[in-house]
Each structure stands twice: as C-alpha cells, then as structure tokens.
C-alpha cells in the first residue's frame, strides 16, 4: 500500500534542494525589485520639483495681470530658455 514511500525517500533530497534553489531565486528577485523601486522613488522628487517649478512659473505669468501679447512672449521666452 505504501510502496511509493520507498521511491520517494531517495528523491526527497533532490526535491528539498530544488526548493532551496527556488526560494533563493525568489528572495534575490524580490531584493532586486526593492532596489529598483527605491531607485525610481529617488527619481520622482526631481521630476516633481521640475513640474512644480513650471506650474509656479505659469501661475505667475497668468496672475501677473499683463496683456495677452506679453503672455505669449513670456511663454516663448520660457521655451527658448528650456531649449538652451
């Protein structure tokens, strides 16, 4: 009835070894994923700061009270400044 046990006993070390290799691989994959997430999180503040600066500049231009022609010129000046 339990004849398969005699066949499973010699195979157990191979199964345990495979499980150890698989868990090591999974752990390493998760560590690399955490490092990648940290690196991406460090990049976000720079992008966020740039966007915040641009929004502040646009708000200043809009609320400045100058004419529309001057507004277009200011936007063009910002584009030229950004390209250089």
N, C-alpha and C. Protein backbone atom coordinates (compact mmCIF):
# COMPACT_ATOMS: atom_id res chain seq x y z
N UNK A 1 0.80 -1.18 0.00
CA UNK A 1 0.00 0.00 0.00
C UNK A 1 0.86 1.27 0.00
N UNK A 2 1.90 1.31 0.79
CA UNK A 2 2.77 2.48 0.84
C UNK A 2 4.10 2.21 0.15
N UNK A 3 4.06 1.53 -0.97
CA UNK A 3 5.28 1.21 -1.70
C UNK A 3 5.91 2.46 -2.31
N UNK A 4 5.13 3.46 -2.60
CA UNK A 4 5.67 4.68 -3.22
C UNK A 4 6.59 5.43 -2.24
N UNK A 5 6.43 5.20 -0.94
CA UNK A 5 7.28 5.86 0.06
C UNK A 5 8.73 5.48 -0.18
N UNK A 6 8.98 4.22 -0.52
CA UNK A 6 10.35 3.76 -0.72
C UNK A 6 10.97 4.44 -1.94
N UNK A 7 10.16 4.82 -2.89
CA UNK A 7 10.68 5.54 -4.06
C UNK A 7 10.83 7.03 -3.75
N UNK A 8 9.99 7.56 -2.87
CA UNK A 8 10.04 8.98 -2.56
C UNK A 8 11.19 9.33 -1.63
N UNK A 9 11.59 8.41 -0.78
CA UNK A 9 12.67 8.70 0.17
C UNK A 9 13.97 9.07 -0.54
N UNK A 10 14.43 8.33 -1.54
CA UNK A 10 15.67 8.75 -2.21
C UNK A 10 15.51 10.05 -3.03
N UNK A 11 14.29 10.38 -3.44
CA UNK A 11 14.07 11.59 -4.22
C UNK A 11 13.89 12.84 -3.36
N UNK A 12 13.66 12.68 -2.07
CA UNK A 12 13.41 13.81 -1.18
C UNK A 12 14.56 14.82 -1.16
N UNK A 13 15.82 14.41 -1.09
CA UNK A 13 16.90 15.42 -1.09
C UNK A 13 16.91 16.28 -2.35
N UNK A 14 16.59 15.67 -3.49
CA UNK A 14 16.55 16.45 -4.73
C UNK A 14 15.41 17.47 -4.70
N UNK A 15 14.27 17.05 -4.16
CA UNK A 15 13.13 17.96 -4.06
C UNK A 15 13.44 19.10 -3.09
N UNK A 16 14.06 18.78 -1.97
CA UNK A 16 14.41 19.81 -1.00
C UNK A 16 15.46 20.76 -1.57
N UNK A 17 16.44 20.22 -2.30
CA UNK A 17 17.45 21.06 -2.94
C UNK A 17 16.84 21.99 -3.98
N UNK A 18 15.92 21.46 -4.76
CA UNK A 18 15.23 22.30 -5.75
C UNK A 18 14.42 23.40 -5.09
N UNK A 19 13.78 23.07 -3.98
CA UNK A 19 13.01 24.06 -3.24
C UNK A 19 13.93 25.15 -2.68
N UNK A 20 15.11 24.76 -2.19
CA UNK A 20 16.06 25.73 -1.65
C UNK A 20 16.55 26.67 -2.76
N UNK A 21 16.84 26.12 -3.92
CA UNK A 21 17.29 26.95 -5.05
C UNK A 21 16.18 27.90 -5.48
N UNK A 22 14.95 27.40 -5.54
CA UNK A 22 13.83 28.23 -5.96
C UNK A 22 13.58 29.38 -4.97
N UNK A 23 13.62 29.08 -3.65
CA UNK A 23 13.40 30.14 -2.66
C UNK A 23 14.52 31.17 -2.68
N UNK A 24 15.76 30.72 -2.91
CA UNK A 24 16.88 31.67 -3.02
C UNK A 24 16.67 32.59 -4.22
N UNK A 25 16.24 32.01 -5.33
CA UNK A 25 15.99 32.81 -6.53
C UNK A 25 14.87 33.82 -6.29
N UNK A 26 13.80 33.40 -5.64
CA UNK A 26 12.68 34.30 -5.35
C UNK A 26 13.12 35.44 -4.43
N UNK A 27 13.93 35.11 -3.42
CA UNK A 27 14.41 36.13 -2.50
C UNK A 27 15.27 37.15 -3.23
N UNK A 28 16.16 36.67 -4.10
CA UNK A 28 17.03 37.57 -4.86
C UNK A 28 16.20 38.45 -5.80
N UNK A 29 15.19 37.88 -6.44
CA UNK A 29 14.32 38.65 -7.32
C UNK A 29 13.60 39.75 -6.55
N UNK A 30 13.10 39.44 -5.37
CA UNK A 30 12.42 40.45 -4.56
C UNK A 30 13.37 41.54 -4.10
N UNK A 31 14.62 41.18 -3.74
CA UNK A 31 15.60 42.18 -3.34
C UNK A 31 15.90 43.14 -4.49
N UNK A 32 16.06 42.60 -5.69
CA UNK A 32 16.32 43.45 -6.85
C UNK A 32 15.12 44.35 -7.16
N UNK A 33 13.94 43.83 -6.97
CA UNK A 33 12.73 44.63 -7.20
C UNK A 33 12.63 45.77 -6.19
N UNK A 34 13.02 45.51 -4.95
CA UNK A 34 13.01 46.56 -3.93
C UNK A 34 14.03 47.65 -4.29
N UNK A 35 15.22 47.25 -4.73
CA UNK A 35 16.24 48.23 -5.12
C UNK A 35 15.76 49.08 -6.30
N UNK A 36 15.11 48.44 -7.26
CA UNK A 36 14.59 49.17 -8.41
C UNK A 36 13.51 50.17 -7.98
N UNK A 37 12.65 49.75 -7.08
CA UNK A 37 11.61 50.64 -6.57
C UNK A 37 12.21 51.82 -5.83
N UNK A 38 13.26 51.57 -5.04
CA UNK A 38 13.93 52.66 -4.33
C UNK A 38 14.56 53.64 -5.31
N UNK A 39 15.18 53.12 -6.36
CA UNK A 39 15.81 54.00 -7.36
C UNK A 39 14.76 54.85 -8.06
N UNK A 40 13.64 54.26 -8.39
CA UNK A 40 12.56 55.02 -9.03
C UNK A 40 12.00 56.07 -8.09
N UNK A 41 11.91 55.73 -6.81
CA UNK A 41 11.40 56.69 -5.83
C UNK A 41 12.34 57.87 -5.67
N UNK A 42 13.64 57.63 -5.82
CA UNK A 42 14.61 58.72 -5.71
C UNK A 42 14.52 59.66 -6.91
N UNK A 43 14.11 59.15 -8.07
CA UNK A 43 13.98 59.97 -9.27
C UNK A 43 12.73 60.85 -9.21
N UNK A 44 11.71 60.41 -8.54
CA UNK A 44 10.43 61.11 -8.50
C UNK A 44 10.54 62.54 -7.97
N UNK A 45 11.26 62.79 -6.87
CA UNK A 45 11.31 64.17 -6.37
C UNK A 45 11.88 65.16 -7.39
N UNK A 46 12.87 64.73 -8.18
CA UNK A 46 13.44 65.62 -9.17
C UNK A 46 12.38 65.99 -10.21
N UNK A 47 11.66 65.01 -10.69
CA UNK A 47 10.61 65.26 -11.67
C UNK A 47 9.52 66.11 -11.05
N UNK A 48 9.15 65.80 -9.83
CA UNK A 48 8.11 66.55 -9.14
C UNK A 48 8.53 68.00 -8.92
N UNK A 49 9.79 68.22 -8.55
CA UNK A 49 10.28 69.58 -8.35
C UNK A 49 10.25 70.38 -9.64
N UNK A 50 10.64 69.74 -10.74
CA UNK A 50 10.62 70.43 -12.04
C UNK A 50 9.19 70.81 -12.43
N UNK A 51 8.27 69.88 -12.24
CA UNK A 51 6.87 70.17 -12.59
C UNK A 51 6.31 71.27 -11.70
N UNK A 52 6.64 71.22 -10.42
CA UNK A 52 6.15 72.25 -9.51
C UNK A 52 6.70 73.62 -9.90
N UNK A 53 7.96 73.67 -10.29
CA UNK A 53 8.57 74.93 -10.72
C UNK A 53 7.87 75.47 -11.97
N UNK A 54 7.58 74.58 -12.91
CA UNK A 54 6.91 75.00 -14.14
C UNK A 54 5.50 75.52 -13.85
N UNK A 55 4.78 74.84 -12.97
CA UNK A 55 3.42 75.28 -12.63
C UNK A 55 3.47 76.64 -11.94
N UNK A 56 4.42 76.83 -11.04
CA UNK A 56 4.55 78.14 -10.38
C UNK A 56 4.83 79.24 -11.38
N UNK A 57 5.70 78.94 -12.34
CA UNK A 57 6.02 79.94 -13.37
C UNK A 57 4.78 80.28 -14.18
N UNK A 58 4.03 79.26 -14.57
CA UNK A 58 2.80 79.51 -15.34
C UNK A 58 1.78 80.28 -14.51
N UNK A 59 1.66 79.94 -13.23
CA UNK A 59 0.74 80.69 -12.37
C UNK A 59 1.16 82.16 -12.27
N UNK A 60 2.46 82.38 -12.15
CA UNK A 60 2.95 83.76 -12.06
C UNK A 60 2.64 84.52 -13.33
N UNK A 61 2.83 83.85 -14.48
CA UNK A 61 2.55 84.50 -15.76
C UNK A 61 1.07 84.84 -15.87
N UNK A 62 0.22 83.90 -15.51
CA UNK A 62 -1.22 84.09 -15.65
C UNK A 62 -1.73 85.18 -14.70
N UNK A 63 -1.27 85.15 -13.47
CA UNK A 63 -1.79 86.10 -12.48
C UNK A 63 -1.03 87.42 -12.47
N UNK A 64 -0.11 87.58 -13.38
CA UNK A 64 0.72 88.78 -13.42
C UNK A 64 -0.09 90.02 -13.81
N UNK A 65 -1.15 89.84 -14.58
CA UNK A 65 -2.00 90.96 -14.95
C UNK A 65 -1.55 91.67 -16.22
N UNK A 66 -0.58 91.14 -16.90
CA UNK A 66 -0.13 91.76 -18.14
C UNK A 66 -1.04 91.33 -19.29
N UNK A 67 -0.82 91.92 -20.46
CA UNK A 67 -1.65 91.63 -21.62
C UNK A 67 -1.37 90.26 -22.23
N UNK A 68 -2.24 89.83 -23.13
CA UNK A 68 -2.10 88.52 -23.77
C UNK A 68 -0.88 88.46 -24.67
N UNK A 69 -0.55 89.55 -25.33
CA UNK A 69 0.63 89.55 -26.20
C UNK A 69 1.89 89.31 -25.38
N UNK A 70 1.94 89.92 -24.23
CA UNK A 70 3.08 89.73 -23.35
C UNK A 70 3.12 88.29 -22.83
N UNK A 71 1.96 87.70 -22.59
CA UNK A 71 1.88 86.32 -22.14
C UNK A 71 2.49 85.39 -23.17
N UNK A 72 2.14 85.57 -24.43
CA UNK A 72 2.69 84.73 -25.49
C UNK A 72 4.21 84.89 -25.57
N UNK A 73 4.68 86.11 -25.42
CA UNK A 73 6.13 86.36 -25.47
C UNK A 73 6.83 85.69 -24.29
N UNK A 74 6.24 85.74 -23.12
CA UNK A 74 6.84 85.10 -21.95
C UNK A 74 6.92 83.58 -22.13
N UNK A 75 5.88 83.00 -22.70
CA UNK A 75 5.89 81.55 -22.94
C UNK A 75 6.97 81.20 -23.95
N UNK A 76 7.10 81.97 -24.99
CA UNK A 76 8.16 81.73 -25.98
C UNK A 76 9.54 81.88 -25.34
N UNK A 77 9.71 82.86 -24.47
CA UNK A 77 10.98 83.04 -23.77
C UNK A 77 11.30 81.82 -22.91
N UNK A 78 10.28 81.28 -22.25
CA UNK A 78 10.49 80.08 -21.43
C UNK A 78 10.89 78.89 -22.29
N UNK A 79 10.28 78.75 -23.46
CA UNK A 79 10.65 77.65 -24.36
C UNK A 79 12.09 77.78 -24.80
N UNK A 80 12.50 78.98 -25.17
CA UNK A 80 13.88 79.19 -25.60
C UNK A 80 14.85 78.93 -24.46
N UNK A 81 14.47 79.35 -23.27
CA UNK A 81 15.32 79.15 -22.10
C UNK A 81 15.47 77.66 -21.80
N UNK A 82 14.38 76.91 -21.97
CA UNK A 82 14.40 75.48 -21.69
C UNK A 82 15.24 74.73 -22.72
N UNK A 83 15.23 75.16 -23.97
CA UNK A 83 16.00 74.50 -25.02
C UNK A 83 17.49 74.77 -24.90
N UNK A 84 17.85 75.90 -24.34
CA UNK A 84 19.28 76.23 -24.24
C UNK A 84 19.90 75.70 -22.98
